[in-house]
Amino acid sequence: MICKSCGSEVSQYITECPYCGNRLRKRAPKIDRDGRVAEKPRRRRRRTPTPALPRLRRDEIPGIRGDSRPYTTIVLVLLGLVGCLLWRIDPLKLSDLAIIGKPGPHWWRLLTAGFAYDNSGYAFGALGTVALYGWLLEHRLGALPVLALFAAGTVGGLAVTAAAYADPVALGANGGALALLVAWAIPDVLSLRAGEEIEGDLLGTAVIGVAVALMPLAWPGASWLADGVGVLAGIGLGWPLTRLAAR
């Protein structure tokens, strides 16, 4: 056999090279009665790559929702980003999208005002919360509950604000963000109340919720009434949805 270190031809019955001292094998080979090596050369096994798990199909495992992209949440966030830029780069004015004064015959502003933002910090807080908890809820419950919660918190909050004030100013989706956040937290709150262990981060959720709820202190376009409607929508819709999902 040939030593891999120095290239010298050496006997196959030794474990170390006599020329360079390189270790040739761990132990001496077995010799049969005729003086031949009785061991069979070991073949290296080829490692086969572990196949990747396929995406979980819908209804493949009862009680577990299939893997899918949160398209509804993505669309809601993209519309909010468009609303941040549209009135800045287009002949449209902010008053054409947001609720500035009584909507009157322009009822459609109740729908567009939830996607209009005139402050980057307000947009980041509201849209970030919608993206995070909308994605978690859509993975748990599906697209329609996310859309219903966002609409109830956002449109409902803007409508109550427009009706309550004589000269209202309201825009953004702080109500919808709180509705999604509260609805997501309900199952963990119920489990914690029952003495069970939870996997969600309720402390971090509470911090985010307080930050979004206090947006009206930092920017007048965010409405306190929209905050309250969002929380009520999250409880009113999130509670039965949680019970339905548990069944």
Protein backbone atom coordinates (compact mmCIF):
# COMPACT_ATOMS: atom_id res chain seq x y z
CA MET A 1 0.00 0.00 0.00
CA ILE A 2 1.07 3.60 -0.55
CA CYS A 3 1.49 6.07 2.34
CA LYS A 4 -0.61 9.14 1.70
CA SER A 5 1.86 11.36 3.59
CA CYS A 6 5.22 10.58 2.03
CA GLY A 7 4.21 8.42 -0.95
CA SER A 8 6.37 5.46 0.04
CA GLU A 9 5.33 1.90 -0.70
CA VAL A 10 4.87 0.06 2.60
CA SER A 11 3.52 -3.26 3.80
CA GLN A 12 -0.24 -3.66 4.18
CA TYR A 13 0.27 -5.43 7.53
CA ILE A 14 1.50 -2.38 9.48
CA THR A 15 -0.41 0.45 11.12
CA GLU A 16 2.22 3.24 10.83
CA CYS A 17 4.55 4.27 8.01
CA PRO A 18 8.18 3.37 8.95
CA TYR A 19 9.49 6.34 6.91
CA CYS A 20 7.40 9.28 8.11
CA GLY A 21 5.41 7.86 11.06
CA ASN A 22 2.05 8.64 9.48
CA ARG A 23 -0.88 6.68 10.89
CA LEU A 24 -2.09 4.35 8.15
CA ARG A 25 -4.94 2.60 9.96
CA LYS A 26 -6.39 2.28 13.44
CA ARG A 27 -5.50 -1.38 13.99
CA ALA A 28 -3.55 -4.16 12.28
CA PRO A 29 -5.48 -6.22 9.71
CA LYS A 30 -6.67 -9.76 10.38
CA ILE A 31 -4.58 -12.47 8.70
CA ASP A 32 -5.99 -15.86 7.69
CA ARG A 33 -4.06 -19.15 7.80
CA ASP A 34 -2.65 -18.62 4.31
CA GLY A 35 -1.20 -15.26 5.30
CA ARG A 36 -3.74 -13.21 3.38
CA VAL A 37 -5.64 -10.22 4.64
CA ALA A 38 -9.06 -11.47 5.73
CA GLU A 39 -10.72 -8.08 6.03
CA LYS A 40 -12.93 -6.70 3.32
CA PRO A 41 -12.31 -3.11 2.32
CA ARG A 42 -14.89 -0.77 3.73
CA ARG A 43 -17.02 1.14 1.33
CA ARG A 44 -17.99 4.64 2.14
CA ARG A 45 -21.69 5.14 2.26
CA ARG A 46 -23.00 7.97 0.22
CA ARG A 47 -25.08 10.32 2.24
CA THR A 48 -28.43 10.89 0.68
CA PRO A 49 -29.85 14.37 1.27
CA THR A 50 -32.82 14.50 3.59
CA PRO A 51 -35.89 15.28 1.52
CA ALA A 52 -37.62 18.53 2.43
CA LEU A 53 -41.08 18.24 3.90
CA PRO A 54 -43.83 19.25 1.48
CA ARG A 55 -46.19 22.07 2.30
CA LEU A 56 -49.10 21.02 4.50
CA ARG A 57 -52.18 20.78 2.32
CA ARG A 58 -55.58 22.01 3.42
CA ASP A 59 -57.57 19.42 5.43
CA GLU A 60 -54.60 17.04 5.38
CA ILE A 61 -54.53 16.86 9.19
CA PRO A 62 -57.83 17.50 10.99
CA GLY A 63 -57.63 20.55 13.24
CA ILE A 64 -54.50 21.98 11.62
CA ARG A 65 -54.77 24.62 8.90
CA GLY A 66 -52.66 24.11 5.81
CA ASP A 67 -49.66 26.30 5.01
CA SER A 68 -50.62 29.35 2.98
CA ARG A 69 -49.40 32.88 2.45
CA PRO A 70 -51.21 35.66 4.35
CA TYR A 71 -52.46 37.35 1.19
CA THR A 72 -55.19 39.33 2.96
CA THR A 73 -52.73 40.81 5.46
CA ILE A 74 -50.26 41.60 2.69
CA VAL A 75 -52.95 43.46 0.73
CA LEU A 76 -54.03 45.47 3.79
CA VAL A 77 -50.45 46.55 4.52
CA LEU A 78 -49.75 47.40 0.87
CA LEU A 79 -52.89 49.54 0.71
CA GLY A 80 -51.68 51.38 3.81
CA LEU A 81 -48.30 52.02 2.20
CA VAL A 82 -50.01 53.29 -0.95
CA GLY A 83 -52.14 55.58 1.19
CA CYS A 84 -49.00 57.04 2.75
CA LEU A 85 -47.66 58.08 -0.65
CA LEU A 86 -50.71 58.61 -2.85
CA TRP A 87 -51.71 62.04 -1.63
CA ARG A 88 -48.07 63.20 -1.66
CA ILE A 89 -47.26 62.28 -5.27
CA ASP A 90 -50.70 62.62 -6.86
CA PRO A 91 -53.01 65.62 -7.40
CA LEU A 92 -55.26 64.08 -4.71
CA LYS A 93 -55.37 65.93 -1.41
CA LEU A 94 -55.32 64.33 2.03
CA SER A 95 -58.85 65.60 2.57
CA ASP A 96 -59.97 63.48 -0.41
CA LEU A 97 -58.94 60.30 1.44
CA ALA A 98 -59.12 61.05 5.17
CA ILE A 99 -62.00 62.21 7.33
CA ILE A 100 -61.47 65.94 7.80
CA GLY A 101 -64.83 67.35 8.76
CA LYS A 102 -68.13 65.56 8.35
CA PRO A 103 -68.00 63.08 5.43
CA GLY A 104 -71.51 64.04 4.29
CA PRO A 105 -72.21 62.50 0.89
CA HIS A 106 -68.59 61.35 0.64
CA TRP A 107 -69.29 58.18 2.64
CA TRP A 108 -66.51 56.32 0.87
CA ARG A 109 -63.99 58.27 2.94
CA LEU A 110 -64.86 55.92 5.79
CA LEU A 111 -63.23 53.20 3.68
CA THR A 112 -60.22 55.13 2.38
CA ALA A 113 -59.37 56.97 5.61
CA GLY A 114 -58.16 53.72 7.20
CA PHE A 115 -55.38 53.53 4.59
CA ALA A 116 -54.36 57.21 4.72
CA TYR A 117 -51.46 58.38 6.91
CA ASP A 118 -49.84 61.78 7.23
CA ASN A 119 -47.23 60.74 9.80
CA SER A 120 -44.51 58.12 9.30
CA GLY A 121 -44.35 57.06 12.95
CA TYR A 122 -48.10 56.57 13.12
CA ALA A 123 -48.03 54.56 9.87
CA PHE A 124 -45.16 52.39 11.10
CA GLY A 125 -46.89 51.57 14.39
CA ALA A 126 -50.30 50.83 12.92
CA LEU A 127 -49.15 48.95 9.80
CA GLY A 128 -46.53 46.99 11.74
CA THR A 129 -49.18 45.80 14.18
CA VAL A 130 -51.55 44.89 11.35
CA ALA A 131 -48.78 42.98 9.58
CA LEU A 132 -47.74 40.99 12.66
CA TYR A 133 -51.08 40.07 14.20
CA GLY A 134 -52.90 39.89 10.89
CA TRP A 135 -50.39 37.28 9.71
CA LEU A 136 -50.71 35.27 12.94
CA LEU A 137 -54.50 35.38 12.85
CA GLU A 138 -54.71 34.53 9.15
CA HIS A 139 -52.53 31.47 9.75
CA ARG A 140 -54.81 30.45 12.63
CA LEU A 141 -58.29 31.36 11.40
CA GLY A 142 -58.07 32.26 7.72
CA ALA A 143 -58.56 35.34 5.59
CA LEU A 144 -62.21 36.24 6.26
CA PRO A 145 -61.85 36.68 10.06
CA VAL A 146 -58.85 38.96 9.51
CA LEU A 147 -60.78 41.06 7.01
CA ALA A 148 -63.84 41.23 9.31
CA LEU A 149 -61.77 42.27 12.34
CA PHE A 150 -59.87 44.92 10.39
CA ALA A 151 -63.07 46.33 8.88
CA ALA A 152 -64.91 46.39 12.21
CA GLY A 153 -62.06 48.09 14.03
CA THR A 154 -61.06 50.53 11.30
CA VAL A 155 -64.29 51.48 9.54
CA GLY A 156 -66.32 51.20 12.75
CA GLY A 157 -63.87 53.36 14.66
CA LEU A 158 -63.77 56.02 11.94
CA ALA A 159 -67.58 56.04 11.69
CA VAL A 160 -68.01 56.51 15.44
CA THR A 161 -65.42 59.30 15.42
CA ALA A 162 -67.12 61.07 12.51
CA ALA A 163 -70.49 60.83 14.25
CA ALA A 164 -69.28 61.91 17.71
CA TYR A 165 -67.40 65.12 16.83
CA ALA A 166 -68.69 68.26 15.16
CA ASP A 167 -65.47 68.76 13.19
CA PRO A 168 -63.76 65.35 13.19
CA VAL A 169 -60.24 64.59 11.99
CA ALA A 170 -59.52 60.87 11.73
CA LEU A 171 -57.33 58.66 9.57
CA GLY A 172 -55.25 55.51 9.87
CA ALA A 173 -55.98 52.00 11.11
CA ASN A 174 -55.22 52.18 14.83
CA GLY A 175 -58.66 50.69 15.52
CA GLY A 176 -58.12 47.80 13.10
CA ALA A 177 -54.65 47.13 14.49
CA LEU A 178 -56.02 46.88 18.04
CA ALA A 179 -58.87 44.63 16.89
CA LEU A 180 -56.41 42.15 15.37
CA LEU A 181 -54.10 42.32 18.39
CA VAL A 182 -56.87 41.73 20.93
CA ALA A 183 -58.42 38.89 18.91
CA TRP A 184 -55.04 37.15 18.69
CA ALA A 185 -54.42 37.47 22.44
CA ILE A 186 -57.81 36.05 23.54
CA PRO A 187 -56.87 32.32 23.30
CA ASP A 188 -53.71 32.85 25.36
CA VAL A 189 -55.61 34.91 27.93
CA LEU A 190 -58.18 32.13 28.30
CA SER A 191 -55.46 29.48 28.60
CA LEU A 192 -53.60 31.56 31.18
CA ARG A 193 -56.81 32.02 33.15
CA ALA A 194 -57.34 28.24 33.13
CA GLY A 195 -53.84 27.67 34.52
CA GLU A 196 -52.44 26.28 31.29
CA GLU A 197 -49.09 27.03 29.70
CA ILE A 198 -49.04 29.42 26.74
CA GLU A 199 -46.62 29.84 23.86
CA GLY A 200 -47.48 33.42 22.89
CA ASP A 201 -45.75 36.51 24.25
CA LEU A 202 -48.54 38.33 26.08
CA LEU A 203 -46.14 40.81 27.68
CA GLY A 204 -44.78 41.93 24.31
CA THR A 205 -48.31 42.05 22.93
CA ALA A 206 -49.40 44.27 25.83
CA VAL A 207 -46.51 46.67 25.17
CA ILE A 208 -47.39 46.91 21.47
CA GLY A 209 -51.07 47.36 22.32
CA VAL A 210 -50.35 50.23 24.72
CA ALA A 211 -48.10 51.90 22.15
CA VAL A 212 -50.80 51.76 19.47
CA ALA A 213 -53.54 52.84 21.90
CA LEU A 214 -51.51 55.92 22.90
CA MET A 215 -51.04 57.07 19.31
CA PRO A 216 -53.64 59.87 19.74
CA LEU A 217 -51.29 61.51 22.26
CA ALA A 218 -48.56 61.72 19.63
CA TRP A 219 -50.66 62.50 16.55
CA PRO A 220 -54.11 64.08 16.35
CA GLY A 221 -55.11 62.03 13.30
CA ALA A 222 -55.39 58.92 15.48
CA SER A 223 -58.70 58.76 17.34
CA TRP A 224 -59.35 57.68 20.92
CA LEU A 225 -62.79 56.48 19.91
CA ALA A 226 -61.26 54.32 17.18
CA ASP A 227 -59.06 52.74 19.87
CA GLY A 228 -62.10 51.84 21.94
CA VAL A 229 -64.04 50.48 18.97
CA GLY A 230 -61.02 48.40 17.95
CA VAL A 231 -60.71 46.81 21.39
CA LEU A 232 -64.45 46.07 21.52
CA ALA A 233 -64.36 44.61 18.00
CA GLY A 234 -61.42 42.40 18.95
CA ILE A 235 -63.29 41.06 21.98
CA GLY A 236 -66.69 40.82 20.31
CA LEU A 237 -65.42 38.97 17.24
CA GLY A 238 -62.32 37.31 18.67
CA TRP A 239 -64.15 35.50 21.48
CA PRO A 240 -66.64 33.58 19.29
CA LEU A 241 -63.97 32.93 16.66
CA THR A 242 -61.76 31.39 19.33
CA ARG A 243 -64.61 29.15 20.51
CA LEU A 244 -65.40 28.16 16.94
CA ALA A 245 -61.78 27.32 16.18
CA ALA A 246 -61.53 25.23 19.38
CA ARG A 247 -64.53 23.15 18.30
